[in-house]
Amino acid sequence: MPESEKDAFARQAEEKQRGPIAEFLSFAAHNKKWWLTPIVVVLILVGVLAVLGGSGVAPFIYSLF
C-alpha cells in the first residue's frame, strides 16, 4: 500500500466515531437505499414495544390497541 493511502487510513482511524443513526443515514444517502428507512423504523418501534410490554408500562400499551 502506498504511503499516502496509509496516511489517509490513519487519519480516518483517528477521527471521532459517528453514532449508528448518523452511520445509517450516511449509508442510505451514499448508496441510495432510502427504502430501508421505514423498515428500520418499524423494527425499532416493535423492539420498543416488546421491551415496554415486559415492564410496568404494559397496561398502558394494551389500552392503545
N, C-alpha and C. Protein backbone atom coordinates (compact mmCIF):
# COMPACT_ATOMS: atom_id res chain seq x y z
N MET A 1 0.86 -1.17 0.00
CA MET A 1 0.00 0.00 0.00
C MET A 1 0.91 1.24 0.00
N PRO A 2 0.62 2.18 -0.89
CA PRO A 2 1.43 3.41 -0.92
C PRO A 2 1.30 4.18 0.39
N GLU A 3 2.31 5.00 0.63
CA GLU A 3 2.37 5.75 1.89
C GLU A 3 1.19 6.72 2.05
N SER A 4 0.72 7.33 0.94
CA SER A 4 -0.39 8.27 1.04
C SER A 4 -1.67 7.56 1.48
N GLU A 5 -1.88 6.33 1.04
CA GLU A 5 -3.06 5.57 1.46
C GLU A 5 -2.96 5.20 2.94
N LYS A 6 -1.76 4.89 3.41
CA LYS A 6 -1.58 4.58 4.82
C LYS A 6 -1.87 5.80 5.68
N ASP A 7 -1.44 6.98 5.21
CA ASP A 7 -1.70 8.21 5.95
C ASP A 7 -3.19 8.51 6.00
N ALA A 8 -3.87 8.32 4.88
CA ALA A 8 -5.31 8.57 4.84
C ALA A 8 -6.04 7.60 5.77
N PHE A 9 -5.62 6.35 5.77
CA PHE A 9 -6.24 5.35 6.66
C PHE A 9 -6.02 5.71 8.12
N ALA A 10 -4.82 6.15 8.45
CA ALA A 10 -4.51 6.52 9.83
C ALA A 10 -5.32 7.74 10.26
N ARG A 11 -5.49 8.72 9.36
CA ARG A 11 -6.29 9.91 9.68
C ARG A 11 -7.75 9.54 9.93
N GLN A 12 -8.29 8.65 9.10
CA GLN A 12 -9.68 8.23 9.30
C GLN A 12 -9.85 7.46 10.60
N ALA A 13 -8.85 6.67 10.98
CA ALA A 13 -8.93 5.90 12.21
C ALA A 13 -8.90 6.81 13.44
N GLU A 14 -8.26 7.97 13.33
CA GLU A 14 -8.16 8.88 14.46
C GLU A 14 -9.35 9.83 14.58
N GLU A 15 -10.22 9.87 13.55
CA GLU A 15 -11.38 10.75 13.61
C GLU A 15 -12.37 10.27 14.65
N LYS A 16 -13.23 11.19 15.07
CA LYS A 16 -14.27 10.85 16.05
C LYS A 16 -15.25 9.87 15.41
N GLN A 17 -15.65 8.86 16.19
CA GLN A 17 -16.59 7.85 15.71
C GLN A 17 -17.99 8.45 15.63
N ARG A 18 -18.72 8.09 14.56
CA ARG A 18 -20.10 8.54 14.42
C ARG A 18 -21.03 7.50 15.04
N GLY A 19 -22.21 7.94 15.43
CA GLY A 19 -23.19 7.05 16.03
C GLY A 19 -23.89 6.20 14.98
N PRO A 20 -24.68 5.22 15.42
CA PRO A 20 -25.35 4.33 14.48
C PRO A 20 -26.37 5.05 13.60
N ILE A 21 -27.04 6.07 14.13
CA ILE A 21 -28.04 6.77 13.33
C ILE A 21 -27.35 7.56 12.22
N ALA A 22 -26.29 8.27 12.56
CA ALA A 22 -25.55 9.03 11.55
C ALA A 22 -24.92 8.09 10.53
N GLU A 23 -24.46 6.96 10.99
CA GLU A 23 -23.86 5.98 10.08
C GLU A 23 -24.91 5.43 9.11
N PHE A 24 -26.11 5.13 9.63
CA PHE A 24 -27.18 4.63 8.76
C PHE A 24 -27.61 5.67 7.75
N LEU A 25 -27.77 6.93 8.20
CA LEU A 25 -28.17 7.98 7.27
C LEU A 25 -27.12 8.21 6.19
N SER A 26 -25.87 8.13 6.56
CA SER A 26 -24.80 8.27 5.57
C SER A 26 -24.83 7.12 4.58
N PHE A 27 -25.04 5.91 5.08
CA PHE A 27 -25.14 4.74 4.20
C PHE A 27 -26.32 4.89 3.24
N ALA A 28 -27.49 5.29 3.77
CA ALA A 28 -28.68 5.41 2.93
C ALA A 28 -28.50 6.48 1.87
N ALA A 29 -27.89 7.58 2.22
CA ALA A 29 -27.68 8.66 1.25
C ALA A 29 -26.65 8.27 0.20
N HIS A 30 -25.57 7.64 0.64
CA HIS A 30 -24.50 7.30 -0.29
C HIS A 30 -24.90 6.19 -1.26
N ASN A 31 -25.65 5.19 -0.77
CA ASN A 31 -26.00 4.04 -1.59
C ASN A 31 -27.42 4.09 -2.14
N LYS A 32 -28.10 5.20 -1.94
CA LYS A 32 -29.48 5.39 -2.42
C LYS A 32 -30.39 4.27 -1.93
N LYS A 33 -30.32 3.95 -0.65
CA LYS A 33 -31.12 2.89 -0.05
C LYS A 33 -32.17 3.48 0.90
N TRP A 34 -32.84 4.54 0.49
CA TRP A 34 -33.82 5.20 1.36
C TRP A 34 -34.99 4.30 1.68
N TRP A 35 -35.25 3.28 0.86
CA TRP A 35 -36.37 2.37 1.13
C TRP A 35 -36.14 1.55 2.40
N LEU A 36 -34.90 1.51 2.90
CA LEU A 36 -34.62 0.78 4.14
C LEU A 36 -35.09 1.54 5.38
N THR A 37 -35.25 2.84 5.27
CA THR A 37 -35.59 3.66 6.43
C THR A 37 -36.90 3.24 7.09
N PRO A 38 -38.02 3.05 6.36
CA PRO A 38 -39.25 2.64 7.06
C PRO A 38 -39.12 1.27 7.71
N ILE A 39 -38.37 0.37 7.10
CA ILE A 39 -38.18 -0.97 7.67
C ILE A 39 -37.44 -0.86 8.99
N VAL A 40 -36.39 -0.07 9.04
CA VAL A 40 -35.61 0.09 10.27
C VAL A 40 -36.45 0.76 11.35
N VAL A 41 -37.23 1.77 10.98
CA VAL A 41 -38.06 2.47 11.97
C VAL A 41 -39.10 1.52 12.56
N VAL A 42 -39.75 0.72 11.72
CA VAL A 42 -40.75 -0.23 12.22
C VAL A 42 -40.10 -1.27 13.13
N LEU A 43 -38.93 -1.76 12.77
CA LEU A 43 -38.24 -2.73 13.62
C LEU A 43 -37.88 -2.13 14.98
N ILE A 44 -37.46 -0.88 14.99
CA ILE A 44 -37.14 -0.22 16.25
C ILE A 44 -38.40 -0.04 17.10
N LEU A 45 -39.50 0.36 16.48
CA LEU A 45 -40.75 0.53 17.22
C LEU A 45 -41.25 -0.79 17.80
N VAL A 46 -41.15 -1.87 17.03
CA VAL A 46 -41.56 -3.19 17.54
C VAL A 46 -40.66 -3.60 18.70
N GLY A 47 -39.38 -3.32 18.60
CA GLY A 47 -38.47 -3.62 19.70
C GLY A 47 -38.80 -2.84 20.96
N VAL A 48 -39.13 -1.56 20.80
CA VAL A 48 -39.50 -0.74 21.95
C VAL A 48 -40.79 -1.27 22.58
N LEU A 49 -41.76 -1.64 21.75
CA LEU A 49 -43.00 -2.21 22.29
C LEU A 49 -42.74 -3.51 23.03
N ALA A 50 -41.85 -4.34 22.51
CA ALA A 50 -41.54 -5.61 23.17
C ALA A 50 -40.89 -5.36 24.53
N VAL A 51 -39.99 -4.39 24.60
CA VAL A 51 -39.33 -4.09 25.87
C VAL A 51 -40.32 -3.50 26.86
N LEU A 52 -41.15 -2.58 26.41
CA LEU A 52 -42.12 -1.95 27.31
C LEU A 52 -43.23 -2.91 27.70
N GLY A 53 -43.52 -3.91 26.84
CA GLY A 53 -44.55 -4.89 27.15
C GLY A 53 -44.20 -5.75 28.35
N GLY A 54 -42.93 -5.90 28.63
CA GLY A 54 -42.50 -6.69 29.77
C GLY A 54 -42.27 -5.87 31.02
N SER A 55 -42.65 -4.62 30.98
CA SER A 55 -42.42 -3.75 32.15
C SER A 55 -43.74 -3.30 32.75
N GLY A 56 -43.67 -2.38 33.64
CA GLY A 56 -44.87 -1.85 34.29
C GLY A 56 -45.71 -0.96 33.40
N VAL A 57 -45.22 -0.66 32.23
CA VAL A 57 -45.93 0.20 31.29
C VAL A 57 -46.93 -0.62 30.46
N ALA A 58 -46.88 -1.94 30.56
CA ALA A 58 -47.69 -2.83 29.72
C ALA A 58 -49.18 -2.51 29.75
N PRO A 59 -49.80 -2.27 30.90
CA PRO A 59 -51.24 -1.99 30.88
C PRO A 59 -51.60 -0.76 30.04
N PHE A 60 -50.71 0.22 29.98
CA PHE A 60 -50.97 1.41 29.19
C PHE A 60 -50.80 1.15 27.70
N ILE A 61 -49.88 0.26 27.35
CA ILE A 61 -49.68 -0.08 25.94
C ILE A 61 -50.87 -0.86 25.42
N TYR A 62 -51.39 -1.79 26.22
CA TYR A 62 -52.51 -2.62 25.77
C TYR A 62 -53.75 -1.77 25.53
N SER A 63 -53.89 -0.69 26.22
CA SER A 63 -55.07 0.17 26.01
C SER A 63 -54.99 0.91 24.68
N LEU A 64 -53.83 1.01 24.08
CA LEU A 64 -53.69 1.66 22.78
C LEU A 64 -54.29 0.82 21.66
N PHE A 65 -54.29 -0.48 21.86
CA PHE A 65 -54.77 -1.38 20.80
C PHE A 65 -56.13 -1.83 21.16
